[in-house]
Protein backbone atom coordinates (compact mmCIF):
# COMPACT_ATOMS: atom_id res chain seq x y z
CA MET A 1 4.78 -26.59 -4.72
CA ALA A 2 4.02 -28.40 -1.46
CA ALA A 3 7.77 -28.70 -0.77
CA ILE A 4 8.17 -24.93 -1.17
CA TRP A 5 5.27 -24.29 1.22
CA SER A 6 6.82 -26.64 3.79
CA VAL A 7 10.14 -24.76 3.64
CA LEU A 8 8.42 -21.38 3.94
CA ALA A 9 6.30 -22.64 6.83
CA GLN A 10 9.44 -23.85 8.63
CA LEU A 11 11.17 -20.50 8.19
CA LEU A 12 8.08 -18.65 9.41
CA HIS A 13 7.82 -21.01 12.37
CA ILE A 14 11.44 -20.38 13.40
CA ALA A 15 11.02 -16.61 13.08
CA LEU A 16 7.77 -16.79 15.05
CA ILE A 17 9.34 -18.76 17.91
CA LEU A 18 12.41 -16.52 18.10
CA ALA A 19 10.26 -13.38 18.21
CA ALA A 20 7.61 -14.77 20.55
CA ALA A 21 10.02 -16.04 23.23
CA PRO A 22 10.84 -12.69 24.93
CA LEU A 23 7.31 -11.38 24.37
CA LEU A 24 5.75 -14.45 25.98
CA THR A 25 8.02 -14.10 29.01
CA GLY A 26 7.08 -10.44 29.31
CA VAL A 27 3.37 -11.24 29.07
CA VAL A 28 3.64 -13.87 31.84
CA ARG A 29 5.45 -11.41 34.10
CA TRP A 30 2.91 -8.69 33.38
CA LEU A 31 -0.05 -11.00 34.02
CA LYS A 32 1.43 -12.18 37.32
CA ALA A 33 1.94 -8.60 38.45
CA ARG A 34 -1.62 -7.64 37.52
CA MET A 35 -3.03 -10.65 39.37
CA MET A 36 -1.08 -9.56 42.46
CA GLY A 37 -2.43 -6.03 42.26
CA ARG A 38 0.74 -4.45 40.89
CA ARG A 39 1.25 -2.52 37.70
CA GLY A 40 4.12 -4.71 36.61
CA PRO A 41 6.75 -4.24 33.89
CA HIS A 42 5.82 -3.63 30.28
CA PRO A 43 5.41 -6.87 28.27
CA LEU A 44 8.24 -5.70 26.00
CA GLN A 45 10.65 -5.22 28.92
CA PRO A 46 12.50 -8.53 28.23
CA VAL A 47 13.22 -7.30 24.70
CA ARG A 48 14.68 -4.08 26.09
CA ASP A 49 16.76 -5.98 28.64
CA LEU A 50 18.17 -8.33 26.00
CA THR A 51 19.00 -5.42 23.70
CA LYS A 52 20.82 -3.62 26.50
CA LEU A 53 22.78 -6.70 27.60
CA LEU A 54 23.80 -7.64 24.06
CA ARG A 55 25.63 -4.32 23.74
CA LYS A 56 27.82 -5.10 26.77
CA ARG A 57 30.96 -7.19 26.75
CA PRO A 58 30.91 -10.10 29.22
CA VAL A 59 33.26 -10.01 32.21
CA LEU A 60 34.78 -13.41 32.97
CA ALA A 61 36.58 -14.63 36.05
CA GLU A 62 40.34 -15.08 35.83
CA ASN A 63 40.10 -18.85 36.14
CA ALA A 64 37.23 -19.20 33.65
CA SER A 65 37.95 -21.67 30.86
CA ALA A 66 36.54 -22.00 27.36
CA ILE A 67 33.48 -23.68 28.87
CA SER A 68 32.22 -20.38 30.28
CA ARG A 69 32.65 -18.77 26.86
CA ALA A 70 31.03 -21.53 24.81
CA ALA A 71 28.27 -22.74 27.15
CA PRO A 72 25.81 -19.83 26.53
CA TYR A 73 26.01 -20.35 22.78
CA VAL A 74 25.54 -24.11 23.16
CA ALA A 75 22.48 -23.58 25.38
CA VAL A 76 20.88 -21.11 22.96
CA GLY A 77 21.67 -23.31 19.96
CA ALA A 78 20.17 -26.40 21.60
CA ALA A 79 17.05 -24.47 22.61
CA MET A 80 16.65 -23.04 19.10
CA ALA A 81 17.08 -26.47 17.52
CA ALA A 82 14.50 -28.01 19.86
CA ALA A 83 12.04 -25.15 19.31
CA ALA A 84 12.37 -25.54 15.54
CA LEU A 85 11.14 -29.13 15.81
CA VAL A 86 7.94 -28.43 17.77
CA PRO A 87 5.03 -27.69 15.38
CA SER A 88 3.12 -24.47 15.93
CA PHE A 89 0.62 -23.13 13.38
CA ALA A 90 1.04 -25.82 10.70
CA ARG A 91 1.99 -29.44 10.29
CA GLY A 92 4.15 -30.99 7.61
CA MET A 93 7.01 -28.49 7.83
CA VAL A 94 10.37 -29.45 6.36
CA PHE A 95 11.76 -30.48 9.76
CA ALA A 96 8.67 -32.54 10.60
CA PRO A 97 10.38 -35.93 10.01
CA LEU A 98 12.99 -34.94 12.63
CA ALA A 99 10.45 -33.69 15.17
CA ASP A 100 10.86 -36.59 17.55
CA LEU A 101 9.87 -36.10 21.18
CA ILE A 102 12.91 -38.04 22.37
CA LEU A 103 15.18 -35.84 20.24
CA VAL A 104 13.60 -32.72 21.75
CA ALA A 105 14.25 -34.12 25.22
CA GLY A 106 17.86 -34.80 24.25
CA LEU A 107 18.38 -31.25 23.01
CA LEU A 108 16.95 -29.89 26.25
CA ALA A 109 19.38 -32.11 28.13
CA VAL A 110 22.28 -30.64 26.12
CA GLY A 111 21.32 -27.14 27.22
CA ARG A 112 20.97 -28.32 30.83
CA VAL A 113 24.42 -29.90 30.82
CA ALA A 114 25.94 -26.76 29.29
CA MET A 115 24.45 -24.63 32.06
CA ALA A 116 25.63 -27.03 34.77
CA LEU A 117 29.16 -27.06 33.36
CA ALA A 118 29.19 -23.28 33.20
CA GLY A 119 28.04 -23.10 36.81
CA MET A 120 30.87 -25.37 37.96
CA ASP A 121 33.56 -23.95 35.68
CA VAL A 122 34.56 -20.96 37.82
CA GLY A 123 34.44 -22.99 41.03
CA THR A 124 32.12 -20.80 43.09
CA GLN A 125 30.06 -22.40 45.82
CA PHE A 126 26.73 -21.17 44.47
CA GLY A 127 27.50 -22.37 40.95
CA GLY A 128 28.32 -25.86 42.17
CA LEU A 129 25.28 -25.89 44.43
CA GLY A 130 22.94 -24.88 41.60
CA ALA A 131 24.51 -27.40 39.20
CA ALA A 132 24.15 -30.22 41.72
CA ARG A 133 20.51 -29.38 42.33
CA GLU A 134 19.78 -29.04 38.61
CA MET A 135 21.24 -32.42 37.72
CA SER A 136 19.61 -34.18 40.68
CA PHE A 137 16.21 -32.81 39.64
CA ALA A 138 16.87 -33.78 36.02
CA ALA A 139 17.57 -37.37 37.10
CA ILE A 140 13.89 -37.62 38.06
CA ALA A 141 12.34 -35.27 35.51
CA GLU A 142 13.87 -36.89 32.42
CA PRO A 143 12.47 -40.40 33.15
CA ALA A 144 9.04 -38.82 33.71
CA LEU A 145 9.30 -37.12 30.32
CA VAL A 146 10.37 -40.34 28.60
CA ILE A 147 7.54 -42.33 30.17
CA ALA A 148 4.99 -39.69 29.15
CA ALA A 149 6.44 -39.84 25.64
CA LEU A 150 6.03 -43.63 25.75
CA THR A 151 2.34 -43.23 26.53
CA LEU A 152 1.86 -40.87 23.60
CA ALA A 153 3.89 -43.15 21.33
CA ILE A 154 1.74 -46.17 22.18
CA LEU A 155 -1.43 -44.28 21.31
CA ALA A 156 -0.16 -42.57 18.16
CA GLY A 157 2.19 -45.33 17.03
CA THR A 158 5.18 -43.00 16.90
CA THR A 159 7.15 -40.48 18.93
CA ASN A 160 7.06 -37.95 16.08
CA LEU A 161 5.40 -34.77 17.33
CA ASP A 162 3.86 -33.96 13.96
CA ALA A 163 2.22 -37.38 13.77
CA ILE A 164 1.09 -37.21 17.41
CA ALA A 165 -0.51 -33.80 16.80
CA GLY A 166 -2.23 -35.19 13.69
CA ALA A 167 -3.58 -38.19 15.61
CA PHE A 168 -4.95 -35.93 18.34
CA ARG A 169 -6.45 -33.52 15.83
CA GLU A 170 -8.33 -36.29 14.06
CA GLY A 171 -9.93 -37.25 17.37
CA GLY A 172 -9.35 -40.96 16.99
CA LEU A 173 -7.64 -41.32 20.36
CA GLY A 174 -10.56 -39.97 22.39
CA LEU A 175 -10.46 -39.14 26.08
CA ARG A 176 -8.36 -41.55 28.13
CA VAL A 177 -7.24 -41.68 31.73
CA SER A 178 -3.70 -42.43 30.57
CA LEU A 179 -3.65 -39.20 28.57
CA GLY A 180 -4.70 -37.22 31.63
CA LEU A 181 -1.93 -38.79 33.70
CA ALA A 182 0.61 -38.12 30.94
CA LEU A 183 -0.55 -34.50 30.76
CA VAL A 184 -0.09 -33.99 34.51
CA ALA A 185 3.37 -35.57 34.33
CA LEU A 186 4.37 -33.32 31.43
CA LEU A 187 3.08 -30.24 33.25
CA ALA A 188 5.20 -31.08 36.30
CA VAL A 189 8.27 -31.68 34.13
CA ALA A 190 7.65 -28.40 32.27
CA VAL A 191 7.54 -26.50 35.57
CA ALA A 192 10.83 -28.06 36.65
CA GLU A 193 12.54 -27.60 33.28
CA ASN A 194 11.70 -23.91 33.20
CA ALA A 195 12.61 -23.26 36.87
CA ARG A 196 9.12 -21.97 37.63
CA ILE A 197 7.16 -21.91 40.87
CA PRO A 198 6.81 -24.16 42.89
CA VAL A 199 10.14 -25.77 41.92
CA ASP A 200 12.09 -22.52 41.59
CA ASN A 201 11.38 -18.80 41.53
CA PRO A 202 12.88 -17.04 38.48
CA ALA A 203 12.43 -13.63 40.16
CA THR A 204 14.50 -14.32 43.27
CA HIS A 205 18.18 -14.37 44.12
CA LEU A 206 17.88 -15.99 47.54
CA GLU A 207 21.05 -18.02 47.78
CA LEU A 208 19.67 -20.95 49.75
CA THR A 209 16.77 -21.69 47.39
CA MET A 210 17.73 -20.67 43.85
CA VAL A 211 18.67 -23.31 41.29
CA HIS A 212 18.74 -21.77 37.81
CA GLU A 213 20.01 -18.36 38.93
CA ALA A 214 22.83 -19.92 40.98
CA MET A 215 24.47 -21.31 37.85
CA ILE A 216 24.54 -17.98 35.99
CA LEU A 217 25.54 -15.64 38.82
CA GLU A 218 28.93 -15.16 37.16
CA ALA A 219 27.40 -14.34 33.75
CA SER A 220 27.24 -10.77 32.53
CA GLY A 221 26.78 -8.74 29.39
CA ARG A 222 26.26 -10.71 26.19
CA HIS A 223 26.56 -14.07 27.96
CA LEU A 224 23.80 -13.17 30.42
CA ALA A 225 21.58 -12.13 27.52
CA LEU A 226 22.15 -15.53 25.90
CA TRP A 227 21.32 -17.40 29.11
CA ASP A 228 18.14 -15.37 29.57
CA TYR A 229 17.13 -15.88 25.96
CA ALA A 230 17.72 -19.63 26.24
CA ALA A 231 15.37 -19.69 29.25
CA MET A 232 12.76 -17.75 27.26
CA LEU A 233 13.07 -20.19 24.36
CA ARG A 234 12.60 -23.16 26.68
CA LEU A 235 9.43 -21.66 28.14
CA THR A 236 8.04 -20.98 24.66
CA LEU A 237 9.05 -24.46 23.53
CA TRP A 238 7.25 -26.18 26.39
CA LEU A 239 4.07 -24.16 25.97
CA ALA A 240 4.14 -24.81 22.21
CA LEU A 241 4.71 -28.52 22.89
CA LEU A 242 1.71 -28.75 25.21
CA ALA A 243 -0.40 -26.79 22.72
CA ALA A 244 0.66 -28.99 19.79
CA VAL A 245 -0.03 -32.28 21.57
CA PHE A 246 -3.07 -31.56 23.73
CA LEU A 247 -4.58 -28.54 21.90
CA PRO A 248 -4.00 -29.39 18.23
CA PHE A 249 -7.07 -27.55 16.91
CA GLY A 250 -6.52 -24.85 14.30
CA GLN A 251 -3.27 -26.23 12.89
CA ALA A 252 -2.97 -25.95 9.13
CA PRO A 253 -2.71 -29.40 7.50
CA SER A 254 0.38 -30.62 5.68
CA GLY A 255 1.02 -29.04 2.31
CA SER A 256 -1.49 -26.21 2.83
CA ALA A 257 -1.06 -22.87 1.08
CA PRO A 258 -0.01 -19.70 2.94
CA HIS A 259 -3.54 -18.30 3.13
CA VAL A 260 -4.51 -21.28 5.32
CA TRP A 261 -1.71 -20.43 7.74
CA VAL A 262 -3.56 -17.33 8.92
CA VAL A 263 -6.10 -19.42 10.83
CA GLY A 264 -3.30 -21.54 12.26
CA LEU A 265 -1.37 -18.45 13.37
CA LEU A 266 -4.42 -16.96 15.08
CA ALA A 267 -5.20 -20.27 16.79
CA TRP A 268 -1.58 -20.60 17.95
CA VAL A 269 -1.57 -17.08 19.40
CA VAL A 270 -4.83 -17.81 21.26
CA LYS A 271 -3.51 -21.10 22.65
CA MET A 272 -0.20 -19.60 23.74
CA GLY A 273 -2.00 -16.67 25.34
CA GLY A 274 -4.31 -19.02 27.21
CA LEU A 275 -1.41 -21.12 28.45
CA ALA A 276 0.47 -17.98 29.53
CA LEU A 277 -2.59 -16.85 31.46
CA ALA A 278 -2.89 -20.27 33.11
CA LEU A 279 0.80 -20.23 34.05
CA ALA A 280 0.54 -16.75 35.55
CA GLY A 281 -2.56 -17.71 37.51
CA PHE A 282 -0.95 -20.91 38.79
CA GLU A 283 2.21 -19.12 39.95
CA SER A 284 0.17 -16.38 41.59
CA ALA A 285 -1.92 -18.86 43.57
CA ILE A 286 0.83 -21.17 44.83
CA ALA A 287 3.95 -20.68 46.92
CA LYS A 288 7.40 -22.02 46.24
CA MET A 289 8.08 -25.33 47.93
CA ARG A 290 11.20 -26.18 49.88
CA VAL A 291 14.13 -27.42 47.83
CA PHE A 292 14.09 -30.77 49.61
CA ARG A 293 10.46 -31.31 48.56
CA VAL A 294 11.20 -30.94 44.84
CA PRO A 295 12.31 -34.60 44.42
CA GLU A 296 8.97 -35.66 45.94
CA PHE A 297 7.14 -33.39 43.48
CA LEU A 298 9.02 -34.80 40.49
CA GLY A 299 8.73 -38.31 41.90
CA ALA A 300 4.96 -37.91 41.92
CA ALA A 301 5.14 -36.83 38.26
CA LEU A 302 7.23 -39.92 37.47
CA LEU A 303 4.72 -42.12 39.28
CA LEU A 304 1.77 -40.58 37.44
CA GLY A 305 3.49 -41.06 34.09
CA LEU A 306 4.26 -44.67 34.96
CA LEU A 307 0.66 -45.28 36.06
CA GLY A 308 -0.56 -43.80 32.79
CA ALA A 309 1.67 -46.12 30.77
CA VAL A 310 0.69 -49.16 32.83
CA TYR A 311 -3.00 -48.33 32.62
CA LEU A 312 -2.69 -47.95 28.86
CA PHE A 313 -0.99 -51.35 28.57
CA VAL A 314 -3.72 -52.96 30.67
CA SER A 315 -6.63 -51.24 28.95
CA THR A 316 -5.40 -52.04 25.43
CA GLY A 317 -4.41 -55.60 26.25
CA LEU A 318 -0.74 -55.06 25.41
CA SER A 319 1.93 -57.14 27.11
């Protein structure tokens, strides 16, 4: 019976992530507008935009290759696969043995490469500029993510997200300086991965500063809907990852029956809502930095992650 519950929990988790992605994006936009004194769009506006775009046929440039046609589907597939591995309301789902933090980082990298290739495929100046910036930022952000994962792996004994969440939930790790440094590094990487302020502004089309938008300027119709949905999935994935690792309270234990999932679902909604509120408040209170300062920002995240790992080695006597 426990195997059946794990399969049902996994299916419910996937459906929950897929449905929550556009709603979460809409809530963040609405909260930001309210904090700035504006009425703002309806939280369901991203759902309406995706529905409208999915009905339209994409228009491709004459010199576009198969990369431009396949890249949106690759990006969405990679984001969906990564989101399916991050635990939400319950632990012990059927994909839990595959929920490795390094694997999640690899799937995110696949989506990033697909977007960069799509940006360079047509040969426009803005597409190449955005792809170059994206890959240069990723060269710093990915090592920071790996080092933060190393810190968590040393403490929990594994890079499996389900096991890390279980170790945090049991409270055996306690409060550590290395965990705080790893959290700050992950937050900086999450901001960069999702093209959020101060690294990028998802609401602007200013040619000299945009990164994410520059790579999808040629996208339209169904392809644009897929790119937007992939970005929504990444945002939901990162918030769910931070909630699972650093806010593991309320998760249903492995093999629990469906009636126990209700508490986990409510706790997950509260945690995601709190993180969305924190993201909206952070973006409302800070300005976008210059593009040439982003490597310094990500370099600081890399340094903090490295300091956390070194401090953990020293404090635990490892060598």
